[in-house]
Amino acid sequence: MRNTLYYGDNLQVLRDHVPDESVDLVYLDPPFNSNASYNVLFKEKTGEESPAQIRAFTDTWEWTQETAGAYEVEIIQNPRVPSAVKEMISAFRQFVGPNAMMAYLVMMPPRLVELHRVMKPTGSFYLHCDPTASHYLKILLDAVFGKENFRNEIVWRRTGSHNQSRRYGPIHDTLFFYTKGSAYSFTTLFNPVTKGHVDSYFKKQDSRGRYWTNALTGAGIRHGESGQPWRSYDPSSRGRHWAVPGELIRSLGIDEGLSVQERLEQLWQREYIDLPSTGSGAMPTFRQYLQNAPGIPIQDIWAYQPYTQGVLYGTDEAIDEDVRWMPRQGTPERLGYATQKPEALLERIIQSSSNEDDVVLDPFCGCGTAVAVAEKLKRQWIGIDITHLAVALMKSRLKTAFDLDPGQDYDVVGEPQDVGSARALWEQDPYQFQYWAVSLLEAQPQGEQKRGADRGVDGVLYFLDGPRRTSQKVVVQVKGGRVSSPQIRDLKGVVEREKAAFGLFISLEEPTRDMRTEAASGGFYHSDLWVRDYPKIQIRTVGEMLNGKGFELPQMNSAYQRAQRVRRPQGQQGRMEGLEPA
């Protein structure tokens, strides 16, 4: 398959574009927080975050007639929704009532059903949420995937502290881990052990180094080779079975095709097994050396602990520092998206539940962290979002982080590719059309908060010029309907009011002769840095821009936060600083 970004409603995109059983790993972070707006922040000319945040969409859920219709059509009457899911969501409606939470819960089931459909039989699924709706979502997931396919509820510490009156501070998110069936891919990752653990357990030492003796048996009786005696030791008599450490066998080059008893004999001959004293009733143990210990397998609580540097063996990092919460500002990783998750959080998930070349899908991908991490870890990926702002931000992130270009290195589906599809977008949603047109210049959109109160500015760009390389402003206007010369006169007034160097006019329709005459009367801007004159007022049609005819401008600074350049890792390993695997 080819890596693809989709603009549109993920329910329709899944139905129209993603085949059955084609995805190895699904990660989604569906929005629900009654007081949250999901913002894309852009840089001011100083490089600081812009106070004029643009809402990609507002997370305000309401029970409306449209929601009630979706409940009937997409859930109750939908033959693809299992009866268990219909019964559960009907029970929710009676219990929860027609309110914001119910509107959110109506949105989820048809999407969960489609995500289950596109997963391979060996696929894995992670849903990221907070305690506001996690209990309802867990029940829905049990109904869609089957409670027998629930694997973990992971607790992630999302912030350092959150002071709340008369209750404990809410500082965690929840990730539900499900699989489609019992045969699924999972790679155990490891964290470093603590120095206290090393001092407490690895007390013995021989010529190979520090070690401790670990069990060679596991709980429960087995009737195959692992349940048969070795030498004079019978694990079944103790209600146990042989559990020969595979990592140790592989590290010593012992043939894994040998029987359990032959492998035990090989370990004994190489002095890796200690036999208990006669009459003790104990079972043999093996020597686990510190230099061969992989660390502690990652558990289901992922909680960064500040100020614990020096506690872990072999690293200066604090406990779970790799999955620490996103700082408010000041780090290169932060792109300004309010719900952005740290890349290392997604790295844990993607490394644990997929392999190279597997397909990773994020149907609510926002600023594209899951997509970026999948690209970094050499996975194939599908990203879906319902706003052009998010898609534009992802395109910028893929370019700056990996030097990937849309159309060449991956596909973008749902964005206008010609004048006809641009007109269709304008007719469907003028504001999304405006955001898309502004994104062609990588400019900062303006004015969505008050829906129309943009004071004649739909986008802003900045560039450096003059003897002191001072910041100069460019204003952008976008028009999708009928255009005329008074609009150009208005733009000239906006340029003067904003003290801008340029005024750029993007039109879906062809400009009139009077408009071009009016623009030409705007004069020229002289660039000291580039030593040339540029028309101060310029007009381009959408068709011209799609055909590669841009504006005549000095070199502009993209308004998007620049993503860090990514170096892909050479291989997949858990975090084992100082504790290399055998």
Protein backbone atom coordinates (compact mmCIF):
# COMPACT_ATOMS: atom_id res chain seq x y z
CA MET A 1 0.00 0.00 0.00
CA ARG A 2 0.98 3.66 -0.29
CA ASN A 3 1.12 5.93 2.75
CA THR A 4 -1.88 8.25 2.66
CA LEU A 5 -3.35 11.27 4.42
CA TYR A 6 -7.11 11.63 4.09
CA TYR A 7 -9.13 14.79 4.60
CA GLY A 8 -12.71 14.03 5.60
CA ASP A 9 -15.03 12.31 8.06
CA ASN A 10 -13.19 9.18 9.15
CA LEU A 11 -16.37 7.09 9.03
CA GLN A 12 -16.83 7.76 5.33
CA VAL A 13 -13.10 7.50 4.60
CA LEU A 14 -12.93 4.09 6.28
CA ARG A 15 -15.93 2.84 4.33
CA ASP A 16 -14.78 4.20 0.98
CA HIS A 17 -11.02 3.71 1.06
CA VAL A 18 -9.76 1.18 3.63
CA PRO A 19 -10.21 -2.51 2.68
CA ASP A 20 -11.19 -5.31 5.03
CA GLU A 21 -8.39 -6.81 7.15
CA SER A 22 -5.68 -4.50 5.82
CA VAL A 23 -4.43 -2.76 9.00
CA ASP A 24 -2.06 -4.15 11.63
CA LEU A 25 -2.36 -1.49 14.31
CA VAL A 26 -5.00 1.15 15.09
CA TYR A 27 -4.32 4.05 17.45
CA LEU A 28 -6.97 6.68 18.06
CA ASP A 29 -7.36 9.59 20.41
CA PRO A 30 -11.01 10.61 19.85
CA PRO A 31 -11.78 14.04 21.27
CA PHE A 32 -14.00 14.43 24.27
CA ASN A 33 -13.56 17.17 26.82
CA SER A 34 -16.47 19.54 27.26
CA ASN A 35 -14.24 22.55 27.90
CA ALA A 36 -11.53 21.91 25.31
CA SER A 37 -10.93 23.47 21.92
CA TYR A 38 -8.48 21.72 19.63
CA ASN A 39 -6.11 24.38 18.40
CA VAL A 40 -3.40 24.69 15.86
CA LEU A 41 -0.96 27.33 17.07
CA PHE A 42 1.15 29.29 14.67
CA LYS A 43 4.33 31.27 15.18
CA GLU A 44 4.29 35.01 15.53
CA LYS A 45 7.01 36.97 13.74
CA THR A 46 9.06 36.73 16.95
CA GLY A 47 8.86 32.94 16.87
CA GLU A 48 6.59 32.87 19.92
CA GLU A 49 3.22 31.15 20.01
CA SER A 50 0.43 33.19 18.52
CA PRO A 51 -2.28 34.47 20.86
CA ALA A 52 -4.71 34.22 17.94
CA GLN A 53 -5.34 30.50 18.14
CA ILE A 54 -7.28 28.96 15.31
CA ARG A 55 -9.76 26.32 16.31
CA ALA A 56 -9.43 23.35 14.03
CA PHE A 57 -12.76 22.28 15.45
CA THR A 58 -14.56 22.88 18.70
CA ASP A 59 -15.14 19.88 20.89
CA THR A 60 -18.70 20.80 21.84
CA TRP A 61 -21.05 17.88 21.72
CA GLU A 62 -24.80 18.46 21.71
CA TRP A 63 -27.79 16.18 21.40
CA THR A 64 -29.64 17.50 18.36
CA GLN A 65 -32.13 16.25 15.81
CA GLU A 66 -29.16 15.38 13.60
CA THR A 67 -27.63 13.33 16.41
CA ALA A 68 -30.91 11.51 16.98
CA GLY A 69 -31.01 10.73 13.26
CA ALA A 70 -27.45 9.39 13.35
CA TYR A 71 -28.42 7.18 16.29
CA GLU A 72 -31.21 5.60 14.23
CA VAL A 73 -29.43 5.35 10.88
CA GLU A 74 -25.82 4.63 11.84
CA ILE A 75 -26.48 2.37 14.82
CA ILE A 76 -29.99 0.94 15.19
CA GLN A 77 -30.71 0.45 11.45
CA ASN A 78 -27.13 -0.28 10.41
CA PRO A 79 -26.73 -4.02 9.65
CA ARG A 80 -22.96 -3.75 10.08
CA VAL A 81 -23.30 -2.84 13.75
CA PRO A 82 -23.45 -6.03 15.88
CA SER A 83 -26.59 -6.57 17.95
CA ALA A 84 -24.55 -6.46 21.16
CA VAL A 85 -23.41 -2.94 20.28
CA LYS A 86 -26.97 -1.84 19.44
CA GLU A 87 -28.22 -3.17 22.75
CA MET A 88 -25.44 -1.46 24.65
CA ILE A 89 -25.87 1.95 23.02
CA SER A 90 -29.66 1.69 23.53
CA ALA A 91 -29.04 1.04 27.21
CA PHE A 92 -26.70 4.02 27.31
CA ARG A 93 -29.41 6.22 25.82
CA GLN A 94 -31.83 5.24 28.57
CA PHE A 95 -29.23 5.67 31.30
CA VAL A 96 -27.26 8.70 30.06
CA GLY A 97 -30.14 10.58 28.45
CA PRO A 98 -30.11 12.94 25.43
CA ASN A 99 -27.11 15.10 26.35
CA ALA A 100 -23.56 15.93 25.26
CA MET A 101 -22.13 12.63 26.50
CA MET A 102 -24.75 10.67 24.58
CA ALA A 103 -24.02 12.68 21.43
CA TYR A 104 -20.37 11.67 21.78
CA LEU A 105 -21.25 8.03 22.41
CA VAL A 106 -23.44 7.95 19.29
CA MET A 107 -20.45 9.10 17.23
CA MET A 108 -18.20 6.24 18.40
CA PRO A 109 -19.89 2.85 17.68
CA PRO A 110 -20.07 2.97 13.84
CA ARG A 111 -16.43 4.09 13.76
CA LEU A 112 -15.33 1.34 16.14
CA VAL A 113 -17.16 -1.21 13.98
CA GLU A 114 -15.38 0.04 10.84
CA LEU A 115 -12.00 0.03 12.61
CA HIS A 116 -12.61 -3.56 13.71
CA ARG A 117 -13.47 -4.43 10.09
CA VAL A 118 -10.26 -3.03 8.62
CA MET A 119 -8.00 -4.72 11.19
CA LYS A 120 -6.19 -7.90 10.24
CA PRO A 121 -7.03 -11.00 12.32
CA THR A 122 -3.64 -10.44 14.00
CA GLY A 123 -4.27 -6.71 14.50
CA SER A 124 -4.06 -4.62 17.67
CA PHE A 125 -6.07 -1.61 18.78
CA TYR A 126 -5.32 1.22 21.24
CA LEU A 127 -7.91 3.80 22.23
CA HIS A 128 -6.63 6.87 24.12
CA CYS A 129 -9.10 8.73 26.35
CA ASP A 130 -9.49 10.42 29.70
CA PRO A 131 -11.73 9.40 32.64
CA THR A 132 -14.57 11.62 31.40
CA ALA A 133 -15.84 8.90 29.07
CA SER A 134 -13.45 5.97 29.55
CA HIS A 135 -15.95 3.79 31.45
CA TYR A 136 -18.53 4.06 28.65
CA LEU A 137 -15.91 3.45 25.98
CA LYS A 138 -14.62 0.33 27.74
CA ILE A 139 -18.10 -1.22 27.63
CA LEU A 140 -18.47 -0.30 23.94
CA LEU A 141 -15.09 -1.84 23.15
CA ASP A 142 -16.07 -5.05 24.94
CA ALA A 143 -19.18 -5.19 22.75
CA VAL A 144 -17.25 -4.55 19.50
CA PHE A 145 -14.10 -6.62 20.11
CA GLY A 146 -15.36 -9.15 22.65
CA LYS A 147 -14.35 -8.94 26.29
CA GLU A 148 -12.03 -11.92 25.76
CA ASN A 149 -9.89 -9.72 23.48
CA PHE A 150 -9.29 -7.04 26.10
CA ARG A 151 -5.57 -7.03 26.94
CA ASN A 152 -4.75 -4.01 29.09
CA GLU A 153 -5.94 -0.77 30.59
CA ILE A 154 -2.81 1.39 30.52
CA VAL A 155 -2.56 4.43 32.77
CA TRP A 156 -0.42 7.26 31.38
CA ARG A 157 0.54 10.26 33.51
CA ARG A 158 -0.31 13.16 31.20
CA THR A 159 0.75 16.07 33.44
CA GLY A 160 2.73 16.86 36.55
CA SER A 161 -0.09 18.21 38.68
CA HIS A 162 -3.61 19.56 38.36
CA ASN A 163 -5.03 21.35 41.36
CA GLN A 164 -8.75 20.81 41.81
CA SER A 165 -11.01 21.98 44.58
CA ARG A 166 -12.40 19.23 46.82
CA ARG A 167 -11.09 16.29 44.81
CA TYR A 168 -7.82 14.61 43.86
CA GLY A 169 -5.93 16.17 40.99
CA PRO A 170 -6.77 14.43 37.66
CA ILE A 171 -3.39 13.78 36.02
CA HIS A 172 -3.82 10.59 34.00
CA ASP A 173 -5.20 9.35 30.70
CA THR A 174 -6.28 5.82 29.88
CA LEU A 175 -5.29 3.67 26.92
CA PHE A 176 -7.39 0.58 26.21
CA PHE A 177 -5.47 -2.19 24.44
CA TYR A 178 -7.55 -4.75 22.54
CA THR A 179 -6.75 -7.26 19.83
CA LYS A 180 -8.94 -8.70 17.11
CA GLY A 181 -8.13 -12.26 18.15
CA SER A 182 -5.82 -14.42 20.21
CA ALA A 183 -3.03 -14.53 17.59
CA TYR A 184 -1.49 -11.06 17.56
CA SER A 185 1.94 -9.50 17.35
CA PHE A 186 3.50 -8.28 20.59
CA THR A 187 7.11 -7.39 21.34
CA THR A 188 8.00 -7.04 25.01
CA LEU A 189 9.89 -3.82 25.66
CA PHE A 190 12.00 -3.20 28.73
CA ASN A 191 12.84 -0.34 31.06
CA PRO A 192 16.07 -0.11 33.05
CA VAL A 193 16.02 -1.60 36.54
CA THR A 194 16.68 0.53 39.60
CA LYS A 195 20.04 0.60 41.32
CA GLY A 196 18.30 -0.68 44.44
CA HIS A 197 17.07 -3.71 42.50
CA VAL A 198 20.60 -4.46 41.30
CA ASP A 199 22.00 -4.15 44.84
CA SER A 200 19.21 -6.31 46.29
CA TYR A 201 19.21 -9.14 43.75
CA PHE A 202 22.53 -9.32 41.92
CA LYS A 203 24.56 -10.10 45.05
CA LYS A 204 26.49 -13.10 43.74
CA GLN A 205 29.48 -12.91 41.44
CA ASP A 206 31.71 -15.25 39.43
CA SER A 207 34.14 -14.84 36.55
CA ARG A 208 31.26 -13.79 34.27
CA GLY A 209 30.14 -10.98 36.56
CA ARG A 210 27.26 -10.22 38.94
CA TYR A 211 24.26 -12.55 38.88
CA TRP A 212 21.27 -13.85 40.78
CA THR A 213 19.59 -17.23 40.63
CA ASN A 214 16.20 -17.26 38.90
CA ALA A 215 13.53 -19.95 38.57
CA LEU A 216 13.74 -22.50 35.76
CA THR A 217 10.11 -23.53 36.21
CA GLY A 218 6.69 -21.93 35.79
CA ALA A 219 3.41 -22.53 37.55
CA GLY A 220 1.12 -25.30 36.29
CA ILE A 221 1.52 -28.87 35.06
CA ARG A 222 2.24 -29.56 31.39
CA HIS A 223 1.96 -32.97 29.70
CA GLY A 224 4.59 -32.43 26.99
CA GLU A 225 8.40 -32.25 27.27
CA SER A 226 8.23 -29.33 29.69
CA GLY A 227 6.42 -31.54 32.19
CA GLN A 228 8.89 -34.45 32.05
CA PRO A 229 11.73 -34.98 34.54
CA TRP A 230 15.31 -33.88 33.96
CA ARG A 231 17.97 -35.74 35.88
CA SER A 232 16.20 -36.50 39.18
CA TYR A 233 13.99 -33.39 39.17
CA ASP A 234 10.30 -33.77 38.32
CA PRO A 235 8.51 -30.40 37.93
CA SER A 236 5.08 -32.06 37.82
CA SER A 237 5.50 -33.31 41.36
CA ARG A 238 5.67 -29.67 42.40
CA GLY A 239 2.72 -28.59 40.26
CA ARG A 240 5.09 -26.82 37.86
CA HIS A 241 6.75 -27.20 34.45
CA TRP A 242 10.17 -26.38 32.95
CA ALA A 243 10.45 -22.79 31.66
CA VAL A 244 13.80 -22.58 29.90
CA PRO A 245 14.76 -18.90 29.21
CA GLY A 246 14.74 -18.52 25.43
CA GLU A 247 16.91 -15.38 25.40
CA LEU A 248 19.65 -17.25 27.25
CA ILE A 249 19.43 -20.24 24.91
CA ARG A 250 19.72 -17.98 21.86
CA SER A 251 22.57 -15.93 23.32
CA LEU A 252 24.61 -19.09 23.96
CA GLY A 253 23.95 -20.46 20.48
CA ILE A 254 22.18 -23.56 21.79
CA ASP A 255 19.98 -25.27 19.21
CA GLU A 256 16.38 -24.31 19.95
CA GLY A 257 15.28 -27.50 18.20
CA LEU A 258 16.66 -29.62 21.03
CA SER A 259 14.26 -31.09 23.54
CA VAL A 260 13.65 -29.27 26.79
CA GLN A 261 15.75 -31.80 28.68
CA GLU A 262 18.62 -31.51 26.15
CA ARG A 263 18.58 -27.72 26.46
CA LEU A 264 18.69 -28.00 30.25
CA GLU A 265 21.65 -30.35 29.95
CA GLN A 266 23.47 -27.88 27.70
CA LEU A 267 22.93 -25.10 30.24
CA TRP A 268 24.16 -27.36 33.04
CA GLN A 269 27.33 -28.26 31.13
CA ARG A 270 28.07 -24.57 30.56
CA GLU A 271 27.61 -23.88 34.28
CA TYR A 272 24.49 -21.74 33.95
CA ILE A 273 22.37 -23.99 36.19
CA ASP A 274 22.67 -24.41 39.96
CA LEU A 275 21.34 -27.64 41.46
CA PRO A 276 19.80 -27.57 44.93
CA SER A 277 21.30 -29.53 47.77
CA THR A 278 20.18 -33.16 48.13
CA GLY A 279 17.01 -33.54 50.16
CA SER A 280 16.07 -29.84 50.03
CA GLY A 281 13.05 -30.49 47.85
CA ALA A 282 13.89 -27.38 45.79
CA MET A 283 14.11 -27.18 42.01
CA PRO A 284 17.14 -26.14 39.89
CA THR A 285 17.69 -22.46 39.13
CA PHE A 286 19.68 -20.63 36.45
CA ARG A 287 22.19 -17.83 36.76
CA GLN A 288 20.85 -14.59 35.34
CA TYR A 289 23.80 -12.26 34.83
CA LEU A 290 23.46 -8.52 35.15
CA GLN A 291 25.06 -7.84 31.77
CA ASN A 292 22.52 -10.17 30.10
CA ALA A 293 19.44 -8.96 31.96
CA PRO A 294 17.12 -7.09 29.55
CA GLY A 295 15.62 -4.91 32.29
CA ILE A 296 12.08 -4.76 33.64
CA PRO A 297 9.28 -5.52 31.16
CA ILE A 298 7.10 -2.45 30.69
CA GLN A 299 4.00 -2.70 32.86
CA ASP A 300 0.57 -1.07 32.49
CA ILE A 301 1.35 2.14 34.40
CA TRP A 302 3.40 4.63 32.37
CA ALA A 303 4.19 7.41 34.81
CA TYR A 304 7.14 9.78 34.52
CA GLN A 305 8.61 10.52 37.94
CA PRO A 306 10.39 13.89 38.02
CA TYR A 307 13.61 14.25 39.99
CA THR A 308 14.40 10.54 40.01
CA GLN A 309 17.57 10.94 37.97
CA GLY A 310 20.25 8.65 39.37
CA VAL A 311 17.77 6.04 40.56
CA LEU A 312 18.01 3.78 37.49
CA TYR A 313 20.95 1.52 36.74
CA GLY A 314 23.00 2.42 33.67
CA THR A 315 21.23 5.69 32.74
CA ASP A 316 20.89 9.25 33.99
CA GLU A 317 17.21 9.42 32.94
CA ALA A 318 14.40 9.65 35.46
CA ILE A 319 11.84 6.87 35.78
CA ASP A 320 9.69 6.71 32.60
CA GLU A 321 11.26 9.92 31.34
CA ASP A 322 10.86 8.78 27.74
CA VAL A 323 7.06 8.97 28.05
CA ARG A 324 6.89 12.14 30.08
CA TRP A 325 4.04 14.52 29.37
CA MET A 326 4.33 17.23 26.76
CA PRO A 327 5.72 20.42 28.30
CA ARG A 328 3.56 23.51 27.83
CA GLN A 329 6.12 25.17 25.60
CA GLY A 330 9.80 25.56 24.88
CA THR A 331 10.72 22.17 23.36
CA PRO A 332 11.34 21.49 19.67
CA GLU A 333 8.87 18.58 19.67
CA ARG A 334 5.87 20.72 20.57
CA LEU A 335 4.07 21.91 17.45
CA GLY A 336 1.35 23.86 19.23
CA TYR A 337 -1.50 21.37 18.87
CA ALA A 338 -3.38 21.37 22.18
CA THR A 339 -3.90 17.61 22.36
CA GLN A 340 -0.48 16.68 20.96
CA LYS A 341 0.96 13.53 22.52
CA PRO A 342 4.69 12.86 22.97
CA GLU A 343 6.31 10.83 20.23
CA ALA A 344 7.83 8.40 22.74
CA LEU A 345 4.34 7.42 23.91
CA LEU A 346 3.48 6.36 20.37
CA GLU A 347 6.87 4.71 19.98
CA ARG A 348 6.07 2.36 22.85
CA ILE A 349 2.76 1.42 21.30
CA ILE A 350 4.00 1.03 17.74
CA GLN A 351 7.15 -0.90 18.71
CA SER A 352 5.18 -3.20 21.02
CA SER A 353 2.29 -4.00 18.68
CA SER A 354 3.66 -3.86 15.14
CA ASN A 355 6.66 -4.75 13.02
CA GLU A 356 8.48 -2.98 10.21
CA ASP A 357 6.30 -2.55 7.09
CA ASP A 358 3.11 -3.16 9.09
CA VAL A 359 0.22 -0.73 8.48
CA VAL A 360 -0.58 1.78 11.25
CA LEU A 361 -3.90 3.71 11.12
CA ASP A 362 -4.87 6.82 13.09
CA PRO A 363 -8.42 7.99 12.25
CA PHE A 364 -8.27 11.14 14.45
CA CYS A 365 -4.70 12.08 13.68
CA GLY A 366 -4.64 15.82 14.53
CA CYS A 367 -1.08 17.03 14.18
CA GLY A 368 0.04 13.56 13.08
CA THR A 369 2.19 12.19 15.90
CA ALA A 370 1.19 8.58 15.20
CA VAL A 371 1.86 9.09 11.49
CA ALA A 372 5.26 10.68 12.17
CA VAL A 373 6.31 7.90 14.54
CA ALA A 374 5.12 5.22 12.12
CA GLU A 375 7.24 6.83 9.41
CA LYS A 376 10.21 7.02 11.77
CA LEU A 377 9.89 3.32 12.71
CA LYS A 378 9.55 2.21 9.08
CA ARG A 379 5.87 1.32 9.20
CA GLN A 380 3.30 2.06 6.54
CA TRP A 381 0.59 4.45 7.66
CA ILE A 382 -2.86 5.94 7.10
CA GLY A 383 -3.87 9.23 8.70
CA ILE A 384 -7.37 10.75 8.66
CA ASP A 385 -8.58 14.13 9.90
CA ILE A 386 -11.69 16.20 9.34
CA THR A 387 -9.99 19.62 9.05
CA HIS A 388 -7.71 21.06 6.41
CA LEU A 389 -5.75 22.81 9.15
CA ALA A 390 -4.71 19.47 10.60
CA VAL A 391 -3.91 17.98 7.19
CA ALA A 392 -1.81 21.03 6.29
CA LEU A 393 0.06 20.78 9.59
CA MET A 394 0.77 17.09 8.98
CA LYS A 395 2.08 17.81 5.50
CA SER A 396 4.40 20.43 6.94
CA ARG A 397 5.53 18.02 9.67
CA LEU A 398 6.32 15.25 7.17
CA LYS A 399 8.29 17.72 5.04
CA THR A 400 10.39 19.24 7.81
CA ALA A 401 10.92 15.99 9.74
CA PHE A 402 11.47 13.56 6.84
CA ASP A 403 11.69 15.69 3.68
CA LEU A 404 8.59 13.96 2.29
CA ASP A 405 6.49 15.61 -0.40
CA PRO A 406 2.77 14.95 -0.98
CA GLY A 407 2.02 13.25 -4.27
CA GLN A 408 5.59 12.07 -4.57
CA ASP A 409 6.33 10.27 -1.30
CA TYR A 410 2.76 9.77 -0.08
CA ASP A 411 -0.79 10.52 -1.21
CA VAL A 412 -3.26 13.12 0.04
CA VAL A 413 -6.89 12.24 -0.64
CA GLY A 414 -9.81 14.61 -0.15
CA GLU A 415 -7.99 17.88 -0.80
CA PRO A 416 -8.92 19.80 -3.93
CA GLN A 417 -6.78 18.83 -6.90
CA ASP A 418 -8.49 21.05 -9.46
CA VAL A 419 -10.86 24.01 -9.68
CA GLY A 420 -13.94 21.78 -9.71
CA SER A 421 -13.10 20.05 -6.44
CA ALA A 422 -12.06 23.40 -4.91
CA ARG A 423 -15.48 24.81 -5.81
CA ALA A 424 -17.15 21.75 -4.28
CA LEU A 425 -15.26 22.35 -1.03
CA TRP A 426 -16.30 26.02 -1.02
CA GLU A 427 -19.93 25.09 -1.53
CA GLN A 428 -19.74 22.48 1.22
CA ASP A 429 -17.84 24.55 3.82
CA PRO A 430 -16.52 28.04 2.98
CA TYR A 431 -14.33 28.11 6.09
CA GLN A 432 -12.58 24.83 5.26
CA PHE A 433 -12.09 26.18 1.72
CA GLN A 434 -10.55 29.31 3.20
CA TYR A 435 -8.20 27.28 5.43
CA TRP A 436 -7.19 25.09 2.50
CA ALA A 437 -6.45 28.08 0.24
CA VAL A 438 -4.41 29.78 2.96
CA SER A 439 -2.50 26.52 3.55
CA LEU A 440 -1.26 26.63 -0.06
CA LEU A 441 0.98 29.47 1.13
CA GLU A 442 1.69 27.89 4.55
CA ALA A 443 0.24 31.07 6.01
CA GLN A 444 -1.36 31.54 9.40
CA PRO A 445 -5.16 31.47 9.08
CA GLN A 446 -7.12 34.23 10.76
CA GLY A 447 -10.57 35.00 11.99
CA GLU A 448 -12.35 31.67 12.59
CA GLN A 449 -13.19 32.41 16.21
CA LYS A 450 -15.85 34.99 15.42
CA ARG A 451 -16.96 33.51 12.12
CA GLY A 452 -16.57 36.39 9.74
CA ALA A 453 -15.02 39.00 12.02
CA ASP A 454 -11.67 38.73 10.25
CA ARG A 455 -11.33 42.47 9.45
CA GLY A 456 -10.39 41.59 5.88
CA VAL A 457 -7.52 39.25 6.77
CA ASP A 458 -7.86 35.52 6.10
CA GLY A 459 -4.18 34.70 6.46
CA VAL A 460 -0.85 36.21 7.45
CA LEU A 461 2.76 35.57 6.42
CA TYR A 462 6.02 37.20 7.50
CA PHE A 463 9.43 37.67 5.89
CA LEU A 464 12.66 39.45 6.79
CA ASP A 465 13.91 42.46 4.87
CA GLY A 466 15.70 45.77 5.19
CA PRO A 467 19.17 46.69 6.50
CA ARG A 468 18.33 45.32 9.95
CA ARG A 469 16.43 42.28 8.68
CA THR A 470 13.21 43.39 10.33
CA SER A 471 9.99 41.40 10.07
CA GLN A 472 7.57 42.43 7.31
CA LYS A 473 3.92 41.41 7.13
CA VAL A 474 1.90 39.93 4.26
CA VAL A 475 -1.91 39.76 4.41
CA VAL A 476 -3.97 37.22 2.47
CA GLN A 477 -7.61 37.37 1.41
CA VAL A 478 -9.55 34.38 0.02
CA LYS A 479 -12.77 34.64 -1.98
CA GLY A 480 -14.84 31.72 -3.21
CA GLY A 481 -17.83 33.50 -4.73
CA ARG A 482 -18.33 36.36 -7.12
CA VAL A 483 -15.46 38.87 -7.19
CA SER A 484 -15.22 42.53 -8.22
CA SER A 485 -12.89 45.53 -8.14
CA PRO A 486 -14.23 47.00 -4.83
CA GLN A 487 -12.77 43.95 -3.09
CA ILE A 488 -9.30 44.89 -4.34
CA ARG A 489 -9.79 48.48 -3.14
CA ASP A 490 -10.76 47.06 0.25
CA LEU A 491 -7.62 44.90 0.26
CA LYS A 492 -5.48 47.97 -0.43
CA GLY A 493 -7.08 49.59 2.61
CA VAL A 494 -6.36 46.53 4.73
CA VAL A 495 -2.70 46.57 3.64
CA GLU A 496 -2.43 50.20 4.66
CA ARG A 497 -4.20 49.62 7.99
CA GLU A 498 -2.09 46.58 8.84
CA LYS A 499 1.13 48.30 7.69
CA ALA A 500 1.75 45.28 5.50
CA ALA A 501 4.26 44.98 2.70
CA PHE A 502 1.95 42.96 0.44
CA GLY A 503 -1.71 42.13 -0.06
CA LEU A 504 -2.43 38.78 -1.71
CA PHE A 505 -5.85 37.97 -3.16
CA ILE A 506 -6.78 34.31 -3.85
CA SER A 507 -9.90 33.90 -5.96
CA LEU A 508 -11.84 30.83 -6.95
CA GLU A 509 -13.36 32.74 -9.89
CA GLU A 510 -11.52 34.58 -12.64
CA PRO A 511 -10.80 38.22 -11.72
CA THR A 512 -12.25 40.99 -13.88
CA ARG A 513 -10.16 43.41 -15.93
CA ASP A 514 -11.06 46.19 -13.47
CA MET A 515 -9.72 44.08 -10.60
CA ARG A 516 -6.37 43.64 -12.32
CA THR A 517 -6.24 47.36 -13.10
CA GLU A 518 -7.02 48.19 -9.48
CA ALA A 519 -4.28 45.80 -8.27
CA ALA A 520 -1.72 47.31 -10.66
CA SER A 521 -2.44 50.77 -9.23
CA GLY A 522 -1.20 49.55 -5.85
CA GLY A 523 2.40 50.18 -6.81
CA PHE A 524 5.47 48.20 -5.83
CA TYR A 525 7.34 47.02 -2.75
CA HIS A 526 11.12 47.35 -2.97
CA SER A 527 13.16 44.66 -1.25
CA ASP A 528 16.59 45.78 -0.04
CA LEU A 529 17.59 42.20 0.68
CA TRP A 530 16.57 40.78 -2.70
CA VAL A 531 17.30 44.02 -4.60
CA ARG A 532 14.16 44.02 -6.69
CA ASP A 533 10.61 45.40 -6.87
CA TYR A 534 7.48 43.30 -6.34
CA PRO A 535 3.84 44.22 -7.07
CA LYS A 536 2.35 45.29 -3.76
CA ILE A 537 -1.16 43.96 -4.55
CA GLN A 538 -1.32 40.61 -6.35
CA ILE A 539 -4.14 38.37 -7.56
CA ARG A 540 -4.00 34.66 -8.25
CA THR A 541 -6.78 32.25 -9.01
CA VAL A 542 -7.03 28.86 -7.37
CA GLY A 543 -6.49 27.31 -10.78
CA GLU A 544 -3.25 29.24 -11.26
CA MET A 545 -1.95 28.19 -7.86
CA LEU A 546 -2.81 24.53 -8.45
CA ASN A 547 -0.92 24.75 -11.74
CA GLY A 548 2.18 26.07 -9.98
CA LYS A 549 1.83 29.79 -10.63
CA GLY A 550 2.41 31.33 -7.24
CA PHE A 551 2.80 34.93 -6.06
CA GLU A 552 5.88 37.04 -6.74
CA LEU A 553 7.35 37.36 -3.23
CA PRO A 554 10.63 37.44 -1.34
CA GLN A 555 11.45 34.25 0.56
CA MET A 556 8.70 33.71 3.15
CA ASN A 557 8.80 32.07 6.56
CA SER A 558 6.26 29.28 6.98
CA ALA A 559 3.78 30.00 9.77
CA TYR A 560 3.81 26.36 10.88
CA GLN A 561 5.90 25.28 13.83
CA ARG A 562 8.88 23.46 12.37
CA ALA A 563 9.09 19.79 13.34
CA GLN A 564 12.38 18.29 14.42
CA ARG A 565 14.40 16.50 11.79
CA VAL A 566 14.05 12.77 12.47
CA ARG A 567 16.73 10.13 12.32
CA ARG A 568 15.26 6.68 11.91
CA PRO A 569 16.55 4.06 14.38
CA GLN A 570 18.61 1.18 13.05
CA GLY A 571 16.62 -1.50 14.84
CA GLN A 572 13.82 -2.18 17.30
CA GLN A 573 14.87 -2.62 20.90
CA GLY A 574 13.45 -1.75 24.25
CA ARG A 575 15.06 0.95 26.38
CA MET A 576 17.83 -0.96 28.13
CA GLU A 577 20.58 1.57 28.78
CA GLY A 578 23.32 -0.27 30.65
CA LEU A 579 21.40 -3.56 30.47
CA GLU A 580 21.95 -4.96 27.02
CA PRO A 581 19.91 -8.03 26.07
CA ALA A 582 21.68 -11.31 25.68
